[in-house]
Amino acid sequence: MTMTVTVKLFASFRQFFPENPGGVLTLNLDTNQKVSDVINQVGLPPDTPRIIFVNGVIRGQDTCLAPGDIISIFPHIAGG
């Protein structure tokens, strides 16, 4: 069984969706997938710091996904 989720990449992470410069991609996934599976599928380097939102709430990579979820991934930005 499959489900559809939306992935939004921001700032420097948009380079991983070169075919879509807006940084938004719709993915069809098997059920029981986690945010970490999406990160692997879109090709984000595993050691890159990031902030992850699922449906507008900060979540970790272990978060299980549900049909229709919106995953927003931001690079960690430090400033001062």
C-alpha atoms as a PDB file:
ATOM      1  CA  MET A   1       0.000   0.000   0.000  1.00  0.00           C
ATOM      2  CA  THR A   2       1.271   3.502  -0.753  1.00  0.00           C
ATOM      3  CA  MET A   3       0.730   7.025   0.483  1.00  0.00           C
ATOM      4  CA  THR A   4       1.477  10.472  -0.881  1.00  0.00           C
ATOM      5  CA  VAL A   5       3.431  13.137   1.037  1.00  0.00           C
ATOM      6  CA  THR A   6       4.734  16.570   0.098  1.00  0.00           C
ATOM      7  CA  VAL A   7       8.363  17.483   0.703  1.00  0.00           C
ATOM      8  CA  LYS A   8       9.495  21.106   0.806  1.00  0.00           C
ATOM      9  CA  LEU A   9      13.204  21.861   0.817  1.00  0.00           C
ATOM     10  CA  PHE A  10      14.429  25.335   1.718  1.00  0.00           C
ATOM     11  CA  ALA A  11      17.523  27.474   1.110  1.00  0.00           C
ATOM     12  CA  SER A  12      20.608  25.471   0.088  1.00  0.00           C
ATOM     13  CA  PHE A  13      18.668  22.183   0.236  1.00  0.00           C
ATOM     14  CA  ARG A  14      16.748  23.166  -2.928  1.00  0.00           C
ATOM     15  CA  GLN A  15      19.748  22.034  -4.965  1.00  0.00           C
ATOM     16  CA  PHE A  16      18.570  18.459  -4.348  1.00  0.00           C
ATOM     17  CA  PHE A  17      15.451  19.131  -6.485  1.00  0.00           C
ATOM     18  CA  PRO A  18      17.117  20.575  -9.609  1.00  0.00           C
ATOM     19  CA  GLU A  19      14.107  19.659 -11.731  1.00  0.00           C
ATOM     20  CA  ASN A  20      11.905  21.758  -9.440  1.00  0.00           C
ATOM     21  CA  PRO A  21      13.553  25.051  -8.460  1.00  0.00           C
ATOM     22  CA  GLY A  22      10.650  25.825  -6.114  1.00  0.00           C
ATOM     23  CA  GLY A  23      11.890  23.056  -3.830  1.00  0.00           C
ATOM     24  CA  VAL A  24       8.559  21.212  -3.598  1.00  0.00           C
ATOM     25  CA  LEU A  25       8.130  17.558  -4.483  1.00  0.00           C
ATOM     26  CA  THR A  26       5.287  15.092  -4.104  1.00  0.00           C
ATOM     27  CA  LEU A  27       6.431  11.578  -3.230  1.00  0.00           C
ATOM     28  CA  ASN A  28       4.597   8.278  -3.291  1.00  0.00           C
ATOM     29  CA  LEU A  29       5.900   6.150  -0.433  1.00  0.00           C
ATOM     30  CA  ASP A  30       5.172   2.775   1.035  1.00  0.00           C
ATOM     31  CA  THR A  31       3.214   2.942   4.266  1.00  0.00           C
ATOM     32  CA  ASN A  32       5.184   2.824   7.536  1.00  0.00           C
ATOM     33  CA  GLN A  33       7.844   5.210   6.228  1.00  0.00           C
ATOM     34  CA  LYS A  34       9.683   7.697   8.427  1.00  0.00           C
ATOM     35  CA  VAL A  35      11.158  11.131   7.825  1.00  0.00           C
ATOM     36  CA  SER A  36      14.599   9.478   7.598  1.00  0.00           C
ATOM     37  CA  ASP A  37      13.365   7.448   4.609  1.00  0.00           C
ATOM     38  CA  VAL A  38      12.328  10.663   2.838  1.00  0.00           C
ATOM     39  CA  ILE A  39      15.700  12.266   3.604  1.00  0.00           C
ATOM     40  CA  ASN A  40      17.461   9.271   2.060  1.00  0.00           C
ATOM     41  CA  GLN A  41      15.169   9.227  -0.967  1.00  0.00           C
ATOM     42  CA  VAL A  42      15.767  12.891  -1.847  1.00  0.00           C
ATOM     43  CA  GLY A  43      19.518  12.477  -1.358  1.00  0.00           C
ATOM     44  CA  LEU A  44      20.246  14.835   1.523  1.00  0.00           C
ATOM     45  CA  PRO A  45      23.656  14.074   3.024  1.00  0.00           C
ATOM     46  CA  PRO A  46      23.147  12.182   6.302  1.00  0.00           C
ATOM     47  CA  ASP A  47      25.599  14.332   8.274  1.00  0.00           C
ATOM     48  CA  THR A  48      24.117  17.716   7.299  1.00  0.00           C
ATOM     49  CA  PRO A  49      22.433  19.516  10.230  1.00  0.00           C
ATOM     50  CA  ARG A  50      18.788  20.257   9.519  1.00  0.00           C
ATOM     51  CA  ILE A  51      15.518  21.357  11.082  1.00  0.00           C
ATOM     52  CA  ILE A  52      12.508  19.218  10.197  1.00  0.00           C
ATOM     53  CA  PHE A  53       8.847  20.147  10.403  1.00  0.00           C
ATOM     54  CA  VAL A  54       5.997  17.716   9.789  1.00  0.00           C
ATOM     55  CA  ASN A  55       2.691  19.529   9.311  1.00  0.00           C
ATOM     56  CA  GLY A  56       4.167  22.663  10.884  1.00  0.00           C
ATOM     57  CA  VAL A  57       5.523  20.997  14.047  1.00  0.00           C
ATOM     58  CA  ILE A  58       9.221  20.377  14.706  1.00  0.00           C
ATOM     59  CA  ARG A  59       9.875  16.639  14.518  1.00  0.00           C
ATOM     60  CA  GLY A  60      12.809  14.246  14.383  1.00  0.00           C
ATOM     61  CA  GLN A  61      13.944  11.827  11.724  1.00  0.00           C
ATOM     62  CA  ASP A  62      12.226   8.940  13.547  1.00  0.00           C
ATOM     63  CA  THR A  63       8.778  10.452  12.979  1.00  0.00           C
ATOM     64  CA  CYS A  64       6.393   8.065  11.216  1.00  0.00           C
ATOM     65  CA  LEU A  65       4.572   9.586   8.277  1.00  0.00           C
ATOM     66  CA  ALA A  66       0.910   9.485   7.358  1.00  0.00           C
ATOM     67  CA  PRO A  67      -0.834  10.097   4.026  1.00  0.00           C
ATOM     68  CA  GLY A  68      -0.971  13.777   3.141  1.00  0.00           C
ATOM     69  CA  ASP A  69       1.812  14.865   5.508  1.00  0.00           C
ATOM     70  CA  ILE A  70       3.869  17.911   4.570  1.00  0.00           C
ATOM     71  CA  ILE A  71       7.549  17.593   5.427  1.00  0.00           C
ATOM     72  CA  SER A  72       9.529  20.856   5.438  1.00  0.00           C
ATOM     73  CA  ILE A  73      13.305  20.595   5.755  1.00  0.00           C
ATOM     74  CA  PHE A  74      15.530  23.579   6.482  1.00  0.00           C
ATOM     75  CA  PRO A  75      19.314  23.717   6.738  1.00  0.00           C
ATOM     76  CA  HIS A  76      20.517  24.601  10.222  1.00  0.00           C
ATOM     77  CA  ILE A  77      21.459  28.250  10.150  1.00  0.00           C
ATOM     78  CA  ALA A  78      23.661  29.828  12.781  1.00  0.00           C
ATOM     79  CA  GLY A  79      23.998  33.525  13.217  1.00  0.00           C
ATOM     80  CA  GLY A  80      24.850  36.127  15.698  1.00  0.00           C
END
